Amino acid sequence: MAEKRTVSVWIFGQEYRVRSDSDEESIRRAAAFVDETMGNIRDRTGAIDSLNIAVLAALNISKHLMALREKEGLGGSQEAIPLDQLKELVRLVESAVPVDPSTSSAHH
């Protein structure tokens, strides 16, 4: 197993330190993709709340992932992604969403 390293990345104007056993370039590319997706959503929707933008970005990225799975004949099964990779993806997404105590209440 590869050794875990910490890589600093910038997403949506904020620095995050991502600890992963993935190579640094892969982490930077993933962060750049999340940053670009969030920027595109902000520009298209005019949204200003970073949590809303992050959720919309996650939905957008998930849509692309599901379309890729369908194209490759993998369907919508989460088992198409190994559990450790799925957990790493979740950690990356969670690290991209800053916690703001003033917006932490649930909205229904």
N, C-alpha and C. Protein backbone atom coordinates (compact mmCIF):
# COMPACT_ATOMS: atom_id res chain seq x y z
N MET A 1 0.84 -1.17 0.00
CA MET A 1 0.00 0.00 0.00
C MET A 1 0.89 1.24 0.00
N ALA A 2 0.50 2.23 -0.78
CA ALA A 2 1.29 3.45 -0.87
C ALA A 2 1.18 4.25 0.43
N GLU A 3 2.22 5.00 0.69
CA GLU A 3 2.27 5.83 1.89
C GLU A 3 1.36 7.04 1.72
N LYS A 4 0.63 7.38 2.78
CA LYS A 4 -0.25 8.56 2.73
C LYS A 4 0.60 9.82 2.79
N ARG A 5 0.17 10.80 2.03
CA ARG A 5 0.83 12.10 2.01
C ARG A 5 -0.23 13.18 2.10
N THR A 6 0.17 14.35 2.50
CA THR A 6 -0.75 15.48 2.57
C THR A 6 -0.42 16.43 1.44
N VAL A 7 -1.44 16.80 0.68
CA VAL A 7 -1.27 17.69 -0.46
C VAL A 7 -2.18 18.90 -0.24
N SER A 8 -1.64 20.08 -0.39
CA SER A 8 -2.43 21.30 -0.29
C SER A 8 -3.03 21.62 -1.66
N VAL A 9 -4.34 21.86 -1.67
CA VAL A 9 -5.02 22.22 -2.91
C VAL A 9 -5.94 23.41 -2.62
N TRP A 10 -6.31 24.12 -3.66
CA TRP A 10 -7.23 25.24 -3.54
C TRP A 10 -8.51 24.89 -4.27
N ILE A 11 -9.64 25.01 -3.56
CA ILE A 11 -10.95 24.77 -4.14
C ILE A 11 -11.84 25.93 -3.75
N PHE A 12 -12.36 26.60 -4.75
CA PHE A 12 -13.31 27.69 -4.55
C PHE A 12 -12.77 28.76 -3.61
N GLY A 13 -11.48 29.08 -3.81
CA GLY A 13 -10.84 30.14 -3.05
C GLY A 13 -10.40 29.78 -1.65
N GLN A 14 -10.45 28.50 -1.31
CA GLN A 14 -10.04 28.09 0.03
C GLN A 14 -9.03 26.95 -0.08
N GLU A 15 -8.03 27.01 0.79
CA GLU A 15 -7.01 25.96 0.80
C GLU A 15 -7.48 24.78 1.63
N TYR A 16 -7.24 23.58 1.10
CA TYR A 16 -7.54 22.34 1.81
C TYR A 16 -6.30 21.47 1.80
N ARG A 17 -6.11 20.75 2.88
CA ARG A 17 -5.02 19.78 2.96
C ARG A 17 -5.66 18.40 2.88
N VAL A 18 -5.34 17.71 1.79
CA VAL A 18 -5.93 16.41 1.52
C VAL A 18 -4.89 15.34 1.85
N ARG A 19 -5.26 14.43 2.73
CA ARG A 19 -4.37 13.32 3.09
C ARG A 19 -4.85 12.09 2.33
N SER A 20 -3.95 11.53 1.51
CA SER A 20 -4.34 10.42 0.65
C SER A 20 -3.12 9.62 0.25
N ASP A 21 -3.36 8.37 -0.16
CA ASP A 21 -2.27 7.58 -0.71
C ASP A 21 -2.24 7.68 -2.24
N SER A 22 -3.14 8.49 -2.81
CA SER A 22 -3.11 8.75 -4.25
C SER A 22 -1.90 9.64 -4.57
N ASP A 23 -1.50 9.61 -5.84
CA ASP A 23 -0.37 10.46 -6.21
C ASP A 23 -0.81 11.92 -6.22
N GLU A 24 0.15 12.79 -5.97
CA GLU A 24 -0.12 14.22 -5.82
C GLU A 24 -0.81 14.81 -7.05
N GLU A 25 -0.38 14.42 -8.23
CA GLU A 25 -0.97 14.96 -9.46
C GLU A 25 -2.44 14.58 -9.58
N SER A 26 -2.80 13.36 -9.22
CA SER A 26 -4.20 12.94 -9.27
C SER A 26 -5.06 13.77 -8.32
N ILE A 27 -4.53 14.02 -7.13
CA ILE A 27 -5.27 14.83 -6.16
C ILE A 27 -5.44 16.24 -6.69
N ARG A 28 -4.39 16.80 -7.25
CA ARG A 28 -4.48 18.17 -7.79
C ARG A 28 -5.47 18.25 -8.96
N ARG A 29 -5.46 17.23 -9.83
CA ARG A 29 -6.41 17.22 -10.95
C ARG A 29 -7.85 17.12 -10.44
N ALA A 30 -8.08 16.27 -9.44
CA ALA A 30 -9.43 16.14 -8.87
C ALA A 30 -9.88 17.45 -8.24
N ALA A 31 -8.99 18.10 -7.50
CA ALA A 31 -9.32 19.37 -6.87
C ALA A 31 -9.60 20.44 -7.93
N ALA A 32 -8.81 20.46 -8.99
CA ALA A 32 -9.02 21.43 -10.06
C ALA A 32 -10.37 21.19 -10.74
N PHE A 33 -10.75 19.93 -10.90
CA PHE A 33 -12.03 19.61 -11.51
C PHE A 33 -13.19 20.07 -10.62
N VAL A 34 -13.07 19.83 -9.31
CA VAL A 34 -14.11 20.28 -8.37
C VAL A 34 -14.19 21.80 -8.39
N ASP A 35 -13.04 22.47 -8.36
CA ASP A 35 -13.00 23.93 -8.37
C ASP A 35 -13.64 24.48 -9.65
N GLU A 36 -13.30 23.89 -10.78
CA GLU A 36 -13.86 24.34 -12.06
C GLU A 36 -15.37 24.11 -12.10
N THR A 37 -15.81 22.95 -11.63
CA THR A 37 -17.24 22.64 -11.62
C THR A 37 -17.99 23.62 -10.73
N MET A 38 -17.45 23.90 -9.55
CA MET A 38 -18.11 24.84 -8.64
C MET A 38 -18.16 26.25 -9.26
N GLY A 39 -17.08 26.66 -9.91
CA GLY A 39 -17.07 27.97 -10.56
C GLY A 39 -18.09 28.06 -11.68
N ASN A 40 -18.18 27.00 -12.48
CA ASN A 40 -19.16 26.98 -13.57
C ASN A 40 -20.58 27.07 -13.03
N ILE A 41 -20.86 26.35 -11.95
CA ILE A 41 -22.20 26.38 -11.36
C ILE A 41 -22.50 27.76 -10.80
N ARG A 42 -21.54 28.36 -10.12
CA ARG A 42 -21.73 29.73 -9.60
C ARG A 42 -22.05 30.68 -10.75
N ASP A 43 -21.30 30.57 -11.84
CA ASP A 43 -21.49 31.46 -12.97
C ASP A 43 -22.84 31.25 -13.66
N ARG A 44 -23.27 29.99 -13.77
CA ARG A 44 -24.54 29.68 -14.44
C ARG A 44 -25.75 30.02 -13.60
N THR A 45 -25.65 29.80 -12.29
CA THR A 45 -26.83 29.95 -11.44
C THR A 45 -26.88 31.27 -10.68
N GLY A 46 -25.74 31.89 -10.51
CA GLY A 46 -25.69 33.10 -9.71
C GLY A 46 -25.72 32.82 -8.22
N ALA A 47 -25.66 31.55 -7.84
CA ALA A 47 -25.67 31.17 -6.42
C ALA A 47 -24.43 31.73 -5.74
N ILE A 48 -24.59 32.09 -4.47
CA ILE A 48 -23.45 32.62 -3.73
C ILE A 48 -23.09 31.76 -2.52
N ASP A 49 -24.02 30.94 -2.04
CA ASP A 49 -23.76 30.09 -0.89
C ASP A 49 -22.86 28.93 -1.30
N SER A 50 -21.68 28.84 -0.68
CA SER A 50 -20.72 27.81 -1.10
C SER A 50 -21.23 26.40 -0.85
N LEU A 51 -22.04 26.20 0.18
CA LEU A 51 -22.58 24.86 0.43
C LEU A 51 -23.55 24.46 -0.67
N ASN A 52 -24.43 25.38 -1.08
CA ASN A 52 -25.34 25.08 -2.18
C ASN A 52 -24.56 24.78 -3.46
N ILE A 53 -23.54 25.55 -3.72
CA ILE A 53 -22.72 25.34 -4.91
C ILE A 53 -22.02 23.99 -4.84
N ALA A 54 -21.51 23.63 -3.65
CA ALA A 54 -20.82 22.35 -3.48
C ALA A 54 -21.77 21.18 -3.71
N VAL A 55 -23.00 21.28 -3.20
CA VAL A 55 -23.98 20.21 -3.39
C VAL A 55 -24.33 20.09 -4.87
N LEU A 56 -24.56 21.21 -5.54
CA LEU A 56 -24.86 21.17 -6.97
C LEU A 56 -23.68 20.60 -7.77
N ALA A 57 -22.46 20.93 -7.35
CA ALA A 57 -21.28 20.38 -8.01
C ALA A 57 -21.21 18.88 -7.80
N ALA A 58 -21.49 18.41 -6.59
CA ALA A 58 -21.49 16.97 -6.31
C ALA A 58 -22.53 16.26 -7.17
N LEU A 59 -23.71 16.85 -7.31
CA LEU A 59 -24.74 16.26 -8.17
C LEU A 59 -24.28 16.22 -9.63
N ASN A 60 -23.66 17.30 -10.08
CA ASN A 60 -23.17 17.38 -11.45
C ASN A 60 -22.11 16.32 -11.71
N ILE A 61 -21.16 16.20 -10.79
CA ILE A 61 -20.08 15.21 -10.93
C ILE A 61 -20.66 13.80 -10.88
N SER A 62 -21.63 13.58 -9.99
CA SER A 62 -22.28 12.26 -9.91
C SER A 62 -22.99 11.91 -11.20
N LYS A 63 -23.64 12.89 -11.81
CA LYS A 63 -24.33 12.67 -13.08
C LYS A 63 -23.35 12.21 -14.15
N HIS A 64 -22.19 12.87 -14.20
CA HIS A 64 -21.15 12.48 -15.17
C HIS A 64 -20.62 11.08 -14.88
N LEU A 65 -20.42 10.76 -13.61
CA LEU A 65 -19.94 9.44 -13.22
C LEU A 65 -20.95 8.36 -13.61
N MET A 66 -22.23 8.61 -13.34
CA MET A 66 -23.27 7.65 -13.69
C MET A 66 -23.36 7.45 -15.20
N ALA A 67 -23.23 8.55 -15.96
CA ALA A 67 -23.26 8.43 -17.41
C ALA A 67 -22.08 7.61 -17.91
N LEU A 68 -20.92 7.79 -17.31
CA LEU A 68 -19.74 7.02 -17.68
C LEU A 68 -19.94 5.54 -17.37
N ARG A 69 -20.51 5.24 -16.21
CA ARG A 69 -20.80 3.85 -15.85
C ARG A 69 -21.76 3.21 -16.85
N GLU A 70 -22.80 3.97 -17.21
CA GLU A 70 -23.77 3.45 -18.19
C GLU A 70 -23.07 3.16 -19.52
N LYS A 71 -22.23 4.08 -19.95
CA LYS A 71 -21.50 3.92 -21.21
C LYS A 71 -20.62 2.69 -21.18
N GLU A 72 -20.03 2.40 -20.02
CA GLU A 72 -19.13 1.25 -19.89
C GLU A 72 -19.88 -0.02 -19.50
N GLY A 73 -21.22 0.07 -19.43
CA GLY A 73 -22.02 -1.10 -19.11
C GLY A 73 -21.99 -1.49 -17.65
N LEU A 74 -21.65 -0.55 -16.78
CA LEU A 74 -21.57 -0.85 -15.35
C LEU A 74 -22.86 -0.52 -14.62
N GLY A 75 -23.79 0.14 -15.31
CA GLY A 75 -25.04 0.50 -14.67
C GLY A 75 -24.83 1.49 -13.54
N GLY A 76 -25.80 1.56 -12.64
CA GLY A 76 -25.73 2.52 -11.55
C GLY A 76 -25.18 1.92 -10.28
N SER A 77 -24.65 0.72 -10.35
CA SER A 77 -24.19 0.04 -9.14
C SER A 77 -22.99 0.74 -8.52
N GLN A 78 -23.09 0.99 -7.21
CA GLN A 78 -21.96 1.58 -6.51
C GLN A 78 -20.81 0.59 -6.41
N GLU A 79 -21.11 -0.70 -6.57
CA GLU A 79 -20.06 -1.70 -6.50
C GLU A 79 -19.08 -1.59 -7.66
N ALA A 80 -19.43 -0.79 -8.68
CA ALA A 80 -18.52 -0.59 -9.80
C ALA A 80 -17.26 0.15 -9.36
N ILE A 81 -17.33 0.85 -8.22
CA ILE A 81 -16.18 1.55 -7.67
C ILE A 81 -15.77 0.80 -6.41
N PRO A 82 -14.51 0.40 -6.29
CA PRO A 82 -14.07 -0.27 -5.06
C PRO A 82 -14.36 0.61 -3.85
N LEU A 83 -14.73 -0.03 -2.73
CA LEU A 83 -15.13 0.67 -1.53
C LEU A 83 -14.08 1.67 -1.05
N ASP A 84 -12.79 1.31 -1.10
CA ASP A 84 -11.76 2.24 -0.63
C ASP A 84 -11.70 3.49 -1.51
N GLN A 85 -11.92 3.33 -2.81
CA GLN A 85 -11.93 4.50 -3.70
C GLN A 85 -13.15 5.36 -3.46
N LEU A 86 -14.30 4.72 -3.20
CA LEU A 86 -15.51 5.46 -2.91
C LEU A 86 -15.35 6.26 -1.62
N LYS A 87 -14.75 5.65 -0.59
CA LYS A 87 -14.51 6.35 0.67
C LYS A 87 -13.57 7.54 0.45
N GLU A 88 -12.55 7.37 -0.36
CA GLU A 88 -11.61 8.47 -0.65
C GLU A 88 -12.34 9.60 -1.37
N LEU A 89 -13.22 9.26 -2.31
CA LEU A 89 -13.99 10.28 -3.02
C LEU A 89 -14.87 11.06 -2.04
N VAL A 90 -15.52 10.35 -1.13
CA VAL A 90 -16.35 11.01 -0.12
C VAL A 90 -15.50 11.94 0.74
N ARG A 91 -14.31 11.49 1.15
CA ARG A 91 -13.43 12.35 1.96
C ARG A 91 -13.03 13.60 1.18
N LEU A 92 -12.75 13.46 -0.11
CA LEU A 92 -12.38 14.62 -0.92
C LEU A 92 -13.54 15.61 -1.01
N VAL A 93 -14.74 15.10 -1.24
CA VAL A 93 -15.91 15.98 -1.33
C VAL A 93 -16.15 16.67 0.01
N GLU A 94 -16.09 15.90 1.11
CA GLU A 94 -16.30 16.50 2.42
C GLU A 94 -15.25 17.55 2.74
N SER A 95 -14.02 17.33 2.31
CA SER A 95 -12.98 18.32 2.60
C SER A 95 -13.16 19.58 1.77
N ALA A 96 -13.95 19.50 0.70
CA ALA A 96 -14.17 20.65 -0.16
C ALA A 96 -15.31 21.53 0.32
N VAL A 97 -16.02 21.10 1.35
CA VAL A 97 -17.15 21.87 1.86
C VAL A 97 -16.79 22.43 3.23
N PRO A 98 -16.47 23.72 3.30
CA PRO A 98 -16.13 24.30 4.59
C PRO A 98 -17.36 24.32 5.50
N VAL A 99 -17.14 24.07 6.77
CA VAL A 99 -18.24 24.08 7.74
C VAL A 99 -18.39 25.49 8.26
N ASP A 100 -19.57 26.06 8.04
CA ASP A 100 -19.90 27.40 8.52
C ASP A 100 -20.98 27.24 9.57
N PRO A 101 -20.67 27.50 10.85
CA PRO A 101 -21.66 27.28 11.91
C PRO A 101 -22.97 28.02 11.68
N SER A 102 -22.93 29.14 10.98
CA SER A 102 -24.16 29.92 10.77
C SER A 102 -25.08 29.27 9.75
N THR A 103 -24.56 28.29 8.96
CA THR A 103 -25.40 27.62 7.96
C THR A 103 -25.55 26.15 8.24
N SER A 104 -25.22 25.70 9.45
CA SER A 104 -25.21 24.27 9.73
C SER A 104 -26.58 23.70 10.09
N SER A 105 -27.60 24.54 10.25
CA SER A 105 -28.93 24.01 10.56
C SER A 105 -29.54 23.37 9.32
N ALA A 106 -30.34 22.34 9.55
CA ALA A 106 -30.96 21.63 8.43
C ALA A 106 -32.08 22.46 7.83
N HIS A 107 -32.19 22.44 6.52
CA HIS A 107 -33.25 23.15 5.79
C HIS A 107 -34.15 22.13 5.15
N HIS A 108 -35.45 22.19 5.38
CA HIS A 108 -36.40 21.26 4.77
C HIS A 108 -37.44 22.04 4.03
